[in-house]
Amino acid sequence: MALMHVNFFSNALGMCVACDVILPQKTAPEHGFKTLWLLHGMSDNHTIWGRRTSVERYVDKYDLAVVMPNGHLSSYANMAHGGKYFTYIADELPKIMRGFFPLSARREDNFISGLSMGGAGCLKIGLARPENYAAIGSYSAGAYNRKPGAELSPRDAARRHMLHGNRDLTGTEEDVFGSALRIVEAGGHCPRIYHACGDKDFLLERAHETRDFFQSFPGNPFGYVYDEDPGAHTWEFWDEHLKRFLGFLHDYALI
């Protein structure tokens, strides 16, 4: 496998950005390499998955490319007072990366995953753009890590204002449950969802709300799987469940 540190300019953000890319060291197939878009959590950046997990070793046997962008403290949102990170990650980044590298643009060859802030982010992006992803893997997160309408600390309230201002999020890309309902009602492509949270994770209640929502659909249209295992908000848990997500993709013959 090849590991590349890529620096380039984002028009969506109006600034230079960075991401790390893992690429199979072989000739790409006709449609390009299958690709995992891997999102980091709030306190980290694009380097962290490579530093704290065995992601490169795990994807090697599947000939799977991995793109790990820097989302800063954006919650992968089009911020009211900041950058358009949803547009950057969901729309601009795939086009740029496919210009640089032989990555497949086919829906069935693309998967998005992440932990904590990135776990909520991958559900948001994957369900707002279901035509782009065959599967979603979310760890230590819910669809909403800060429950809509809940009372917040002054710090979290200030951050929410920075992210969303006074914007009504109903029906937008931020409305994760709304996006899922629209997909089902329209009879569209439902990305398969693998969701995992530790039984001692501080976001366990948010994970349960998300679990209950997806398990309420008759017939399980998202192929939703939930794992709740011993563990907390730790890299030991995320490393293990990244590996399980890859197994989930393999079980469904996606990789």
Protein backbone atom coordinates (compact mmCIF):
# COMPACT_ATOMS: atom_id res chain seq x y z
CA MET A 1 0.00 0.00 0.00
CA ALA A 2 1.08 3.58 -0.65
CA LEU A 3 0.48 6.38 1.86
CA MET A 4 0.26 9.91 0.49
CA HIS A 5 -0.06 13.24 2.26
CA VAL A 6 -1.98 15.49 -0.13
CA ASN A 7 -2.20 19.29 0.04
CA PHE A 8 -4.42 21.22 -2.36
CA PHE A 9 -6.82 24.16 -2.64
CA SER A 10 -10.54 23.85 -1.88
CA ASN A 11 -12.85 26.25 -3.66
CA ALA A 12 -15.67 25.31 -1.29
CA LEU A 13 -13.62 26.37 1.74
CA GLY A 14 -11.56 29.07 0.03
CA MET A 15 -8.32 27.78 1.52
CA CYS A 16 -5.59 25.17 1.27
CA VAL A 17 -6.51 21.83 2.85
CA ALA A 18 -4.90 18.47 3.55
CA CYS A 19 -5.88 14.83 3.51
CA ASP A 20 -4.11 11.50 3.78
CA VAL A 21 -4.68 8.83 1.14
CA ILE A 22 -3.95 5.10 1.24
CA LEU A 23 -3.77 3.56 -2.23
CA PRO A 24 -3.23 -0.05 -3.32
CA GLN A 25 0.20 -0.40 -4.90
CA LYS A 26 -0.99 -2.07 -8.06
CA THR A 27 -2.70 -1.28 -11.35
CA ALA A 28 -6.22 -0.02 -10.77
CA PRO A 29 -9.16 -2.03 -12.13
CA GLU A 30 -11.20 -0.68 -15.04
CA HIS A 31 -13.53 1.47 -12.92
CA GLY A 32 -10.86 2.52 -10.40
CA PHE A 33 -10.26 1.42 -6.83
CA LYS A 34 -13.10 0.95 -4.39
CA THR A 35 -12.83 3.72 -1.80
CA LEU A 36 -13.47 4.25 1.89
CA TRP A 37 -13.98 7.90 2.91
CA LEU A 38 -12.90 7.95 6.57
CA LEU A 39 -13.82 10.85 8.89
CA HIS A 40 -12.14 11.83 12.15
CA GLY A 41 -13.61 12.97 15.46
CA MET A 42 -13.79 16.39 17.06
CA SER A 43 -10.39 16.50 18.76
CA ASP A 44 -8.40 15.06 15.86
CA ASN A 45 -7.48 15.61 12.22
CA HIS A 46 -6.83 13.75 8.96
CA THR A 47 -3.70 12.01 10.29
CA ILE A 48 -5.29 10.29 13.26
CA TRP A 49 -6.69 7.10 11.69
CA GLY A 50 -3.26 6.27 10.31
CA ARG A 51 -1.57 7.07 13.62
CA ARG A 52 -3.90 5.28 16.03
CA THR A 53 -5.27 2.29 14.10
CA SER A 54 -4.08 -0.43 11.72
CA VAL A 55 -6.26 0.88 8.89
CA GLU A 56 -3.53 0.43 6.24
CA ARG A 57 -3.02 -3.20 7.22
CA TYR A 58 -6.78 -3.88 7.37
CA VAL A 59 -7.56 -2.55 3.88
CA ASP A 60 -4.56 -4.16 2.21
CA LYS A 61 -6.24 -7.54 1.64
CA TYR A 62 -9.27 -5.85 0.03
CA ASP A 63 -7.34 -3.58 -2.38
CA LEU A 64 -9.37 -0.72 -0.91
CA ALA A 65 -8.31 2.92 -1.21
CA VAL A 66 -8.88 5.18 1.81
CA VAL A 67 -9.30 8.97 1.78
CA MET A 68 -8.99 10.69 5.17
CA PRO A 69 -9.81 14.43 4.97
CA ASN A 70 -9.40 17.13 7.61
CA GLY A 71 -12.80 18.36 8.77
CA HIS A 72 -11.45 20.57 11.59
CA LEU A 73 -14.16 21.40 14.20
CA SER A 74 -16.88 21.69 11.57
CA SER A 75 -19.14 18.73 12.37
CA TYR A 76 -18.92 18.33 8.58
CA ALA A 77 -21.53 21.10 8.27
CA ASN A 78 -21.98 24.10 6.00
CA MET A 79 -21.28 26.40 8.92
CA ALA A 80 -23.26 29.58 9.52
CA HIS A 81 -20.05 31.22 10.74
CA GLY A 82 -17.29 29.25 9.03
CA GLY A 83 -16.55 27.08 6.05
CA LYS A 84 -18.84 24.99 3.85
CA TYR A 85 -17.50 21.66 5.06
CA PHE A 86 -20.51 19.58 4.01
CA THR A 87 -20.11 20.82 0.43
CA TYR A 88 -16.37 20.24 0.60
CA ILE A 89 -16.52 16.65 1.92
CA ALA A 90 -19.69 15.46 0.17
CA ASP A 91 -19.33 17.12 -3.23
CA GLU A 92 -15.96 18.73 -3.93
CA LEU A 93 -13.49 16.30 -2.36
CA PRO A 94 -14.56 13.19 -4.34
CA LYS A 95 -14.16 15.06 -7.64
CA ILE A 96 -10.71 16.35 -6.66
CA MET A 97 -9.48 12.96 -5.40
CA ARG A 98 -10.73 11.19 -8.54
CA GLY A 99 -8.79 13.70 -10.58
CA PHE A 100 -5.61 12.89 -8.65
CA PHE A 101 -6.04 9.13 -8.23
CA PRO A 102 -7.74 6.18 -10.00
CA LEU A 103 -10.76 5.97 -7.66
CA SER A 104 -14.11 4.53 -8.70
CA ALA A 105 -17.06 6.92 -8.95
CA ARG A 106 -19.59 4.08 -8.88
CA ARG A 107 -21.98 4.08 -5.93
CA GLU A 108 -21.40 0.38 -5.26
CA ASP A 109 -17.67 1.04 -4.86
CA ASN A 110 -17.84 3.85 -2.29
CA PHE A 111 -18.27 3.70 1.48
CA ILE A 112 -18.17 6.37 4.19
CA SER A 113 -17.27 5.88 7.84
CA GLY A 114 -16.19 7.77 10.92
CA LEU A 115 -16.04 8.03 14.69
CA SER A 116 -17.75 10.41 17.13
CA MET A 117 -18.08 13.72 15.22
CA GLY A 118 -17.16 11.75 12.11
CA GLY A 119 -19.63 9.01 13.05
CA ALA A 120 -22.47 11.52 12.98
CA GLY A 121 -20.91 13.16 9.91
CA CYS A 122 -20.84 9.97 7.86
CA LEU A 123 -24.52 9.29 8.62
CA LYS A 124 -25.36 12.86 7.59
CA ILE A 125 -23.34 12.78 4.36
CA GLY A 126 -24.19 9.20 3.44
CA LEU A 127 -27.94 9.70 3.84
CA ALA A 128 -27.99 13.14 2.22
CA ARG A 129 -26.11 11.69 -0.78
CA PRO A 130 -27.39 8.08 -0.94
CA GLU A 131 -26.66 7.95 -4.65
CA ASN A 132 -22.94 8.15 -3.83
CA TYR A 133 -22.44 5.45 -1.16
CA ALA A 134 -23.20 1.75 -0.87
CA ALA A 135 -22.59 1.61 2.90
CA ILE A 136 -22.04 3.71 6.02
CA GLY A 137 -20.06 2.77 9.14
CA SER A 138 -20.63 4.86 12.27
CA TYR A 139 -18.81 4.33 15.58
CA SER A 140 -19.38 5.94 18.99
CA ALA A 141 -22.00 8.32 17.67
CA GLY A 142 -25.64 8.92 17.00
CA ALA A 143 -27.23 10.65 14.08
CA TYR A 144 -27.17 13.68 16.38
CA ASN A 145 -24.39 13.81 18.99
CA ARG A 146 -26.00 16.97 20.38
CA LYS A 147 -29.72 16.27 20.55
CA PRO A 148 -31.83 18.84 18.62
CA GLY A 149 -33.76 21.01 21.03
CA ALA A 150 -31.82 19.86 24.10
CA GLU A 151 -30.49 22.32 26.66
CA LEU A 152 -26.81 22.96 26.03
CA SER A 153 -23.90 24.26 28.07
CA PRO A 154 -22.80 27.80 27.15
CA ARG A 155 -19.84 26.35 25.25
CA ASP A 156 -21.98 23.89 23.25
CA ALA A 157 -24.63 26.55 22.60
CA ALA A 158 -21.96 28.87 21.20
CA ARG A 159 -20.64 26.07 19.01
CA ARG A 160 -24.12 25.24 17.73
CA HIS A 161 -24.65 28.91 16.86
CA MET A 162 -21.32 28.91 15.01
CA LEU A 163 -22.42 25.81 13.09
CA HIS A 164 -26.05 26.58 12.34
CA GLY A 165 -26.93 30.12 13.46
CA ASN A 166 -30.71 30.49 13.41
CA ARG A 167 -31.15 28.18 10.41
CA ASP A 168 -34.14 25.84 10.40
CA LEU A 169 -32.53 22.44 9.84
CA THR A 170 -35.75 20.59 8.99
CA GLY A 171 -35.47 19.01 5.56
CA THR A 172 -31.80 20.00 5.12
CA GLU A 173 -28.72 17.80 4.96
CA GLU A 174 -28.49 18.23 8.76
CA ASP A 175 -31.84 16.45 9.21
CA VAL A 176 -30.46 12.89 9.25
CA PHE A 177 -33.70 11.15 10.19
CA GLY A 178 -35.54 13.25 7.61
CA SER A 179 -33.03 12.19 4.94
CA ALA A 180 -33.55 8.52 5.82
CA LEU A 181 -37.33 8.87 5.67
CA ARG A 182 -37.15 10.57 2.27
CA ILE A 183 -35.01 7.76 0.85
CA VAL A 184 -37.45 5.10 2.02
CA GLU A 185 -40.54 7.01 0.91
CA ALA A 186 -39.03 7.62 -2.53
CA GLY A 187 -37.98 4.00 -2.90
CA GLY A 188 -34.40 5.13 -3.51
CA HIS A 189 -31.05 3.49 -2.86
CA CYS A 190 -30.66 2.74 0.85
CA PRO A 191 -27.01 2.57 1.91
CA ARG A 192 -26.34 -0.34 4.24
CA ILE A 193 -25.55 0.89 7.76
CA TYR A 194 -23.19 -0.61 10.32
CA HIS A 195 -23.44 1.18 13.69
CA ALA A 196 -21.44 0.42 16.84
CA CYS A 197 -21.11 1.98 20.28
CA GLY A 198 -19.43 0.93 23.51
CA ASP A 199 -21.58 0.18 26.53
CA LYS A 200 -19.64 2.79 28.54
CA ASP A 201 -19.50 5.46 25.84
CA PHE A 202 -20.80 8.90 26.86
CA LEU A 203 -22.74 9.03 23.56
CA LEU A 204 -24.54 5.74 24.19
CA GLU A 205 -27.94 7.42 24.67
CA ARG A 206 -27.56 9.17 21.29
CA ALA A 207 -26.59 5.83 19.74
CA HIS A 208 -29.70 4.20 21.22
CA GLU A 209 -31.95 6.90 19.75
CA THR A 210 -30.42 6.27 16.35
CA ARG A 211 -30.65 2.48 16.76
CA ASP A 212 -34.33 2.72 17.70
CA PHE A 213 -35.06 4.94 14.70
CA PHE A 214 -33.51 2.61 12.12
CA GLN A 215 -34.89 -0.52 13.74
CA SER A 216 -38.40 0.96 13.46
CA PHE A 217 -38.43 0.60 9.64
CA PRO A 218 -40.38 -2.48 8.52
CA GLY A 219 -38.19 -4.86 6.56
CA ASN A 220 -34.93 -3.14 7.56
CA PRO A 221 -34.42 -1.32 4.22
CA PHE A 222 -30.97 -0.02 5.25
CA GLY A 223 -29.71 -3.48 6.21
CA TYR A 224 -29.04 -1.79 9.55
CA VAL A 225 -26.77 -3.65 12.00
CA TYR A 226 -26.07 -2.39 15.53
CA ASP A 227 -23.24 -3.68 17.73
CA GLU A 228 -23.05 -2.66 21.37
CA ASP A 229 -19.94 -4.12 22.92
CA PRO A 230 -17.91 -3.58 26.09
CA GLY A 231 -15.95 -0.39 25.63
CA ALA A 232 -15.85 3.38 25.83
CA HIS A 233 -14.87 6.34 23.62
CA THR A 234 -11.45 4.87 22.85
CA TRP A 235 -9.14 3.96 20.00
CA GLU A 236 -9.18 0.32 21.04
CA PHE A 237 -12.92 0.29 20.32
CA TRP A 238 -12.63 2.22 17.02
CA ASP A 239 -9.76 0.10 15.70
CA GLU A 240 -11.73 -3.10 16.34
CA HIS A 241 -14.97 -1.79 14.85
CA LEU A 242 -13.32 -0.37 11.76
CA LYS A 243 -12.12 -3.92 11.17
CA ARG A 244 -15.67 -5.21 11.78
CA PHE A 245 -17.10 -2.69 9.31
CA LEU A 246 -14.72 -3.99 6.65
CA GLY A 247 -15.95 -7.49 7.50
CA PHE A 248 -19.52 -6.22 7.15
CA LEU A 249 -18.69 -4.91 3.66
CA HIS A 250 -17.04 -8.19 2.75
CA ASP A 251 -20.01 -10.23 4.00
CA TYR A 252 -22.25 -8.32 1.59
CA ALA A 253 -19.72 -8.78 -1.25
CA LEU A 254 -19.14 -5.02 -1.46
CA ILE A 255 -15.35 -5.46 -1.13
